[in-house]
Amino acid sequence: MALPVAAPSPTSLEAPALLVAMPQVMDPFFHKSVVLLMHQDDEEGSFGLIVNRLTAMKVAEILSGLEIPWHGPDEAAAYFGGPVQPQLGSVLFADGPEGLPEEARERLSAATEVAQGLAVTHHVGDLRVLAEAPPERLRLFLGYAGWGAGQLVEEILRDDWLLAPVLDDLVFAADPDEVWEQAVRAVGVDPATLPSWSAAGGDQEAN
């Protein structure tokens, strides 16, 4: 039996981490969402990308508007990264030995490492490079999730979020509908033991 993976502590919140929304979070943007926290500062605030919300928009269609050919799977869809600046695109990709070829990595101009083996870029030139030969683990996100100074820590202490370690298999899961449950289990919690909540009044109900 695999032992539970230790999660970060809210009293020393640092990025990167995964934020797993608890059932009482009924905001439609964040209900049962899993967020890759990429930046956390007590004074500046926090931001990240929701990794388990597919949109109906195809990556190829979005890139065609930028005159960028897409050489990845035709069915690849963009993800909803969060409600802030939905016009902003972010590309998250695996940057490890089995991710991006060295030749392509050297051509990137603005990619930033956000976790071990994970990088993100907002640069159109980088997007063009990545679209030529997309690594298997790549996601295009529209928008992002953001919190003001101290807001996220307050929500965590209110038990709105469970903190989990960053796992590639969750960030790039084949089925985003399974990510929330898998993330809860990753820290040794059985999702069936969590209370369910009604959308109307937030009343707790037994599962």
C-alpha atoms as a PDB file:
ATOM      1  CA  MET A   1       0.000   0.000   0.000  1.00  0.00           C
ATOM      2  CA  ALA A   2       1.369   3.427  -0.947  1.00  0.00           C
ATOM      3  CA  LEU A   3       1.840   5.832   1.929  1.00  0.00           C
ATOM      4  CA  PRO A   4       0.051   9.229   1.763  1.00  0.00           C
ATOM      5  CA  VAL A   5       2.188  12.032   0.331  1.00  0.00           C
ATOM      6  CA  ALA A   6       2.846  14.852   2.765  1.00  0.00           C
ATOM      7  CA  ALA A   7       1.078  18.077   1.827  1.00  0.00           C
ATOM      8  CA  PRO A   8       2.331  21.624   2.434  1.00  0.00           C
ATOM      9  CA  SER A   9       1.246  23.510   5.549  1.00  0.00           C
ATOM     10  CA  PRO A  10      -1.040  26.556   5.174  1.00  0.00           C
ATOM     11  CA  THR A  11       1.004  28.415   7.796  1.00  0.00           C
ATOM     12  CA  SER A  12       4.046  28.310   5.491  1.00  0.00           C
ATOM     13  CA  LEU A  13       2.286  28.455   2.140  1.00  0.00           C
ATOM     14  CA  GLU A  14       4.701  28.392  -0.766  1.00  0.00           C
ATOM     15  CA  ALA A  15       4.417  27.780  -4.481  1.00  0.00           C
ATOM     16  CA  PRO A  16       4.360  25.383  -6.195  1.00  0.00           C
ATOM     17  CA  ALA A  17       1.505  23.375  -4.707  1.00  0.00           C
ATOM     18  CA  LEU A  18      -1.852  22.010  -5.745  1.00  0.00           C
ATOM     19  CA  LEU A  19      -4.946  23.603  -4.243  1.00  0.00           C
ATOM     20  CA  VAL A  20      -7.886  21.204  -4.075  1.00  0.00           C
ATOM     21  CA  ALA A  21     -11.266  22.879  -3.553  1.00  0.00           C
ATOM     22  CA  MET A  22     -13.325  21.359  -0.758  1.00  0.00           C
ATOM     23  CA  PRO A  23     -16.995  20.467  -1.432  1.00  0.00           C
ATOM     24  CA  GLN A  24     -18.313  23.569   0.371  1.00  0.00           C
ATOM     25  CA  VAL A  25     -16.738  25.826  -2.280  1.00  0.00           C
ATOM     26  CA  MET A  26     -19.795  26.351  -4.465  1.00  0.00           C
ATOM     27  CA  ASP A  27     -18.427  29.136  -6.675  1.00  0.00           C
ATOM     28  CA  PRO A  28     -19.009  27.765 -10.210  1.00  0.00           C
ATOM     29  CA  PHE A  29     -15.475  28.723 -11.225  1.00  0.00           C
ATOM     30  CA  PHE A  30     -13.895  26.756  -8.395  1.00  0.00           C
ATOM     31  CA  HIS A  31     -16.306  23.981  -7.361  1.00  0.00           C
ATOM     32  CA  LYS A  32     -14.215  20.789  -7.168  1.00  0.00           C
ATOM     33  CA  SER A  33     -11.382  22.538  -8.942  1.00  0.00           C
ATOM     34  CA  VAL A  34      -7.697  21.695  -8.667  1.00  0.00           C
ATOM     35  CA  VAL A  35      -5.380  24.685  -9.008  1.00  0.00           C
ATOM     36  CA  LEU A  36      -1.660  24.636  -9.717  1.00  0.00           C
ATOM     37  CA  LEU A  37      -0.420  27.417  -7.442  1.00  0.00           C
ATOM     38  CA  MET A  38       2.477  29.052  -9.275  1.00  0.00           C
ATOM     39  CA  HIS A  39       3.086  32.196  -7.224  1.00  0.00           C
ATOM     40  CA  GLN A  40       2.515  33.037  -3.582  1.00  0.00           C
ATOM     41  CA  ASP A  41       3.584  36.212  -1.801  1.00  0.00           C
ATOM     42  CA  ASP A  42       2.171  37.481   1.478  1.00  0.00           C
ATOM     43  CA  GLU A  43       2.144  41.067   0.167  1.00  0.00           C
ATOM     44  CA  GLU A  44       1.562  40.625  -3.571  1.00  0.00           C
ATOM     45  CA  GLY A  45      -0.998  37.811  -3.438  1.00  0.00           C
ATOM     46  CA  SER A  46      -1.236  34.499  -5.245  1.00  0.00           C
ATOM     47  CA  PHE A  47      -2.047  33.123  -8.677  1.00  0.00           C
ATOM     48  CA  GLY A  48      -2.269  29.807 -10.451  1.00  0.00           C
ATOM     49  CA  LEU A  49      -4.045  27.756 -13.108  1.00  0.00           C
ATOM     50  CA  ILE A  50      -7.093  25.516 -12.746  1.00  0.00           C
ATOM     51  CA  VAL A  51      -5.917  22.221 -14.282  1.00  0.00           C
ATOM     52  CA  ASN A  52      -9.190  20.270 -14.483  1.00  0.00           C
ATOM     53  CA  ARG A  53     -11.564  22.498 -16.479  1.00  0.00           C
ATOM     54  CA  LEU A  54     -11.744  21.789 -20.210  1.00  0.00           C
ATOM     55  CA  THR A  55     -13.287  24.338 -22.578  1.00  0.00           C
ATOM     56  CA  ALA A  56     -15.073  23.625 -25.841  1.00  0.00           C
ATOM     57  CA  MET A  57     -12.417  25.532 -27.795  1.00  0.00           C
ATOM     58  CA  LYS A  58      -9.840  23.569 -29.752  1.00  0.00           C
ATOM     59  CA  VAL A  59      -6.194  24.581 -29.522  1.00  0.00           C
ATOM     60  CA  ALA A  60      -5.880  24.479 -33.313  1.00  0.00           C
ATOM     61  CA  GLU A  61      -8.748  26.963 -33.720  1.00  0.00           C
ATOM     62  CA  ILE A  62      -7.275  29.374 -31.182  1.00  0.00           C
ATOM     63  CA  LEU A  63      -3.837  29.245 -32.758  1.00  0.00           C
ATOM     64  CA  SER A  64      -5.199  29.676 -36.265  1.00  0.00           C
ATOM     65  CA  GLY A  65      -6.351  33.141 -35.201  1.00  0.00           C
ATOM     66  CA  LEU A  66      -2.724  33.892 -34.355  1.00  0.00           C
ATOM     67  CA  GLU A  67      -1.536  32.379 -37.653  1.00  0.00           C
ATOM     68  CA  ILE A  68       0.315  29.644 -35.756  1.00  0.00           C
ATOM     69  CA  PRO A  69       0.084  26.111 -37.208  1.00  0.00           C
ATOM     70  CA  TRP A  70      -0.734  23.455 -34.600  1.00  0.00           C
ATOM     71  CA  HIS A  71       1.008  20.108 -35.076  1.00  0.00           C
ATOM     72  CA  GLY A  72      -0.465  18.400 -32.052  1.00  0.00           C
ATOM     73  CA  PRO A  73      -3.600  16.247 -31.782  1.00  0.00           C
ATOM     74  CA  ASP A  74      -6.626  17.690 -33.597  1.00  0.00           C
ATOM     75  CA  GLU A  75      -8.829  16.963 -30.588  1.00  0.00           C
ATOM     76  CA  ALA A  76      -6.631  18.918 -28.151  1.00  0.00           C
ATOM     77  CA  ALA A  77      -8.794  21.455 -26.308  1.00  0.00           C
ATOM     78  CA  ALA A  78      -7.879  24.556 -24.321  1.00  0.00           C
ATOM     79  CA  TYR A  79      -8.356  24.611 -20.555  1.00  0.00           C
ATOM     80  CA  PHE A  80     -10.061  27.245 -18.421  1.00  0.00           C
ATOM     81  CA  GLY A  81      -7.239  28.533 -16.240  1.00  0.00           C
ATOM     82  CA  GLY A  82      -9.422  30.820 -14.150  1.00  0.00           C
ATOM     83  CA  PRO A  83     -11.744  33.832 -14.257  1.00  0.00           C
ATOM     84  CA  VAL A  84      -9.007  36.516 -14.281  1.00  0.00           C
ATOM     85  CA  GLN A  85      -8.039  37.930 -17.695  1.00  0.00           C
ATOM     86  CA  PRO A  86      -9.707  35.191 -19.787  1.00  0.00           C
ATOM     87  CA  GLN A  87      -8.070  36.687 -22.884  1.00  0.00           C
ATOM     88  CA  LEU A  88      -4.615  35.819 -21.499  1.00  0.00           C
ATOM     89  CA  GLY A  89      -3.170  32.555 -22.758  1.00  0.00           C
ATOM     90  CA  SER A  90      -0.687  30.464 -20.784  1.00  0.00           C
ATOM     91  CA  VAL A  91       1.121  27.368 -22.013  1.00  0.00           C
ATOM     92  CA  LEU A  92       2.154  24.851 -19.368  1.00  0.00           C
ATOM     93  CA  PHE A  93       4.425  22.040 -20.469  1.00  0.00           C
ATOM     94  CA  ALA A  94       6.689  19.302 -19.186  1.00  0.00           C
ATOM     95  CA  ASP A  95      10.265  20.523 -19.391  1.00  0.00           C
ATOM     96  CA  GLY A  96      12.039  17.398 -18.177  1.00  0.00           C
ATOM     97  CA  PRO A  97      14.323  15.007 -20.076  1.00  0.00           C
ATOM     98  CA  GLU A  98      11.341  13.313 -21.747  1.00  0.00           C
ATOM     99  CA  GLY A  99       9.486  16.565 -22.429  1.00  0.00           C
ATOM    100  CA  LEU A 100      10.740  19.247 -24.774  1.00  0.00           C
ATOM    101  CA  PRO A 101      13.695  18.474 -27.089  1.00  0.00           C
ATOM    102  CA  GLU A 102      16.859  20.446 -26.312  1.00  0.00           C
ATOM    103  CA  GLU A 103      16.763  22.194 -29.689  1.00  0.00           C
ATOM    104  CA  ALA A 104      13.276  23.528 -29.036  1.00  0.00           C
ATOM    105  CA  ARG A 105      14.114  24.476 -25.437  1.00  0.00           C
ATOM    106  CA  GLU A 106      16.978  26.644 -26.635  1.00  0.00           C
ATOM    107  CA  ARG A 107      14.613  28.589 -28.886  1.00  0.00           C
ATOM    108  CA  LEU A 108      12.253  29.550 -26.065  1.00  0.00           C
ATOM    109  CA  SER A 109      12.684  33.118 -24.892  1.00  0.00           C
ATOM    110  CA  ALA A 110      10.288  33.604 -21.968  1.00  0.00           C
ATOM    111  CA  ALA A 111       9.516  30.211 -20.409  1.00  0.00           C
ATOM    112  CA  THR A 112       9.715  30.087 -16.606  1.00  0.00           C
ATOM    113  CA  GLU A 113      10.041  27.017 -14.412  1.00  0.00           C
ATOM    114  CA  VAL A 114       7.087  26.843 -12.003  1.00  0.00           C
ATOM    115  CA  ALA A 115       7.816  23.410 -10.519  1.00  0.00           C
ATOM    116  CA  GLN A 116      10.386  20.702 -11.028  1.00  0.00           C
ATOM    117  CA  GLY A 117      10.081  19.640 -14.656  1.00  0.00           C
ATOM    118  CA  LEU A 118       7.224  22.085 -15.345  1.00  0.00           C
ATOM    119  CA  ALA A 119       7.469  25.392 -17.188  1.00  0.00           C
ATOM    120  CA  VAL A 120       5.006  28.055 -18.291  1.00  0.00           C
ATOM    121  CA  THR A 121       5.126  30.763 -20.924  1.00  0.00           C
ATOM    122  CA  HIS A 122       2.816  33.533 -22.148  1.00  0.00           C
ATOM    123  CA  HIS A 123       5.018  34.531 -25.083  1.00  0.00           C
ATOM    124  CA  VAL A 124       3.591  34.163 -28.602  1.00  0.00           C
ATOM    125  CA  GLY A 125       7.021  33.297 -29.983  1.00  0.00           C
ATOM    126  CA  ASP A 126       7.352  30.469 -27.474  1.00  0.00           C
ATOM    127  CA  LEU A 127       3.878  29.280 -28.373  1.00  0.00           C
ATOM    128  CA  ARG A 128       4.932  29.089 -32.015  1.00  0.00           C
ATOM    129  CA  VAL A 129       7.956  26.967 -31.097  1.00  0.00           C
ATOM    130  CA  LEU A 130       5.919  24.633 -28.898  1.00  0.00           C
ATOM    131  CA  ALA A 131       3.196  24.247 -31.538  1.00  0.00           C
ATOM    132  CA  GLU A 132       5.717  22.921 -34.076  1.00  0.00           C
ATOM    133  CA  ALA A 133       6.304  19.716 -32.119  1.00  0.00           C
ATOM    134  CA  PRO A 134       4.210  19.812 -28.939  1.00  0.00           C
ATOM    135  CA  PRO A 135       5.441  17.640 -26.080  1.00  0.00           C
ATOM    136  CA  GLU A 136       2.920  15.039 -24.989  1.00  0.00           C
ATOM    137  CA  ARG A 137       2.389  16.884 -21.717  1.00  0.00           C
ATOM    138  CA  LEU A 138       1.303  20.367 -22.777  1.00  0.00           C
ATOM    139  CA  ARG A 139      -1.748  22.436 -21.889  1.00  0.00           C
ATOM    140  CA  LEU A 140      -3.018  25.744 -23.245  1.00  0.00           C
ATOM    141  CA  PHE A 141      -4.923  27.705 -20.585  1.00  0.00           C
ATOM    142  CA  LEU A 142      -7.188  30.735 -20.981  1.00  0.00           C
ATOM    143  CA  GLY A 143      -7.266  33.037 -17.955  1.00  0.00           C
ATOM    144  CA  TYR A 144      -5.914  32.345 -14.493  1.00  0.00           C
ATOM    145  CA  ALA A 145      -6.961  32.210 -10.845  1.00  0.00           C
ATOM    146  CA  GLY A 146      -5.810  35.030  -8.568  1.00  0.00           C
ATOM    147  CA  TRP A 147      -6.039  36.059  -4.913  1.00  0.00           C
ATOM    148  CA  GLY A 148      -5.187  39.309  -3.151  1.00  0.00           C
ATOM    149  CA  ALA A 149      -2.654  39.611  -0.350  1.00  0.00           C
ATOM    150  CA  GLY A 150      -3.509  37.185   2.461  1.00  0.00           C
ATOM    151  CA  GLN A 151      -6.744  36.039   0.800  1.00  0.00           C
ATOM    152  CA  LEU A 152      -5.645  32.542  -0.120  1.00  0.00           C
ATOM    153  CA  VAL A 153      -4.158  31.769   3.291  1.00  0.00           C
ATOM    154  CA  GLU A 154      -7.418  32.923   4.869  1.00  0.00           C
ATOM    155  CA  GLU A 155      -9.408  30.598   2.601  1.00  0.00           C
ATOM    156  CA  ILE A 156      -7.106  27.670   3.408  1.00  0.00           C
ATOM    157  CA  LEU A 157      -7.444  28.262   7.140  1.00  0.00           C
ATOM    158  CA  ARG A 158     -11.229  28.339   6.576  1.00  0.00           C
ATOM    159  CA  ASP A 159     -10.875  24.817   5.104  1.00  0.00           C
ATOM    160  CA  ASP A 160     -11.934  25.895   1.625  1.00  0.00           C
ATOM    161  CA  TRP A 161      -8.810  24.328   0.140  1.00  0.00           C
ATOM    162  CA  LEU A 162      -6.795  21.203   0.725  1.00  0.00           C
ATOM    163  CA  LEU A 163      -3.088  21.459  -0.066  1.00  0.00           C
ATOM    164  CA  ALA A 164      -1.535  18.678  -2.129  1.00  0.00           C
ATOM    165  CA  PRO A 165       1.886  18.130  -3.714  1.00  0.00           C
ATOM    166  CA  VAL A 166       2.393  18.871  -7.407  1.00  0.00           C
ATOM    167  CA  LEU A 167       2.165  15.604  -9.339  1.00  0.00           C
ATOM    168  CA  ASP A 168       2.557  15.534 -13.118  1.00  0.00           C
ATOM    169  CA  ASP A 169      -0.054  12.792 -13.426  1.00  0.00           C
ATOM    170  CA  LEU A 170      -2.624  15.162 -11.904  1.00  0.00           C
ATOM    171  CA  VAL A 171      -1.582  18.286 -13.803  1.00  0.00           C
ATOM    172  CA  PHE A 172      -1.637  16.464 -17.149  1.00  0.00           C
ATOM    173  CA  ALA A 173      -4.290  13.841 -16.427  1.00  0.00           C
ATOM    174  CA  ALA A 174      -5.950  12.306 -19.487  1.00  0.00           C
ATOM    175  CA  ASP A 175      -9.409  12.679 -17.914  1.00  0.00           C
ATOM    176  CA  PRO A 176      -9.842  16.033 -16.103  1.00  0.00           C
ATOM    177  CA  ASP A 177     -13.089  14.793 -14.544  1.00  0.00           C
ATOM    178  CA  GLU A 178     -11.084  12.403 -12.369  1.00  0.00           C
ATOM    179  CA  VAL A 179      -8.439  14.877 -11.195  1.00  0.00           C
ATOM    180  CA  TRP A 180     -10.284  16.227  -8.149  1.00  0.00           C
ATOM    181  CA  GLU A 181     -10.860  12.799  -6.611  1.00  0.00           C
ATOM    182  CA  GLN A 182      -7.325  11.681  -7.442  1.00  0.00           C
ATOM    183  CA  ALA A 183      -5.873  14.817  -5.853  1.00  0.00           C
ATOM    184  CA  VAL A 184      -7.846  14.229  -2.649  1.00  0.00           C
ATOM    185  CA  ARG A 185      -6.631  10.643  -2.516  1.00  0.00           C
ATOM    186  CA  ALA A 186      -3.035  11.794  -3.142  1.00  0.00           C
ATOM    187  CA  VAL A 187      -2.888  13.194   0.393  1.00  0.00           C
ATOM    188  CA  GLY A 188      -4.445  10.098   1.945  1.00  0.00           C
ATOM    189  CA  VAL A 189      -8.031  11.374   2.195  1.00  0.00           C
ATOM    190  CA  ASP A 190     -11.002   9.294   1.075  1.00  0.00           C
ATOM    191  CA  PRO A 191     -13.328  11.611  -0.924  1.00  0.00           C
ATOM    192  CA  ALA A 192     -16.316   9.678   0.479  1.00  0.00           C
ATOM    193  CA  THR A 193     -15.468  10.927   3.974  1.00  0.00           C
ATOM    194  CA  LEU A 194     -15.825  14.584   2.972  1.00  0.00           C
ATOM    195  CA  PRO A 195     -19.196  16.252   3.602  1.00  0.00           C
ATOM    196  CA  SER A 196     -21.347  17.281   0.678  1.00  0.00           C
ATOM    197  CA  TRP A 197     -22.969  20.702   0.592  1.00  0.00           C
ATOM    198  CA  SER A 198     -26.122  22.039  -0.988  1.00  0.00           C
ATOM    199  CA  ALA A 199     -25.750  24.798  -3.545  1.00  0.00           C
ATOM    200  CA  ALA A 200     -28.683  26.775  -2.137  1.00  0.00           C
ATOM    201  CA  GLY A 201     -27.922  27.206   1.519  1.00  0.00           C
ATOM    202  CA  GLY A 202     -24.552  25.566   2.054  1.00  0.00           C
ATOM    203  CA  ASP A 203     -26.155  23.093   4.477  1.00  0.00           C
ATOM    204  CA  GLN A 204     -23.999  20.108   5.292  1.00  0.00           C
ATOM    205  CA  GLU A 205     -25.329  16.746   4.236  1.00  0.00           C
ATOM    206  CA  ALA A 206     -24.002  13.286   4.864  1.00  0.00           C
ATOM    207  CA  ASN A 207     -22.651  11.425   1.861  1.00  0.00           C
END
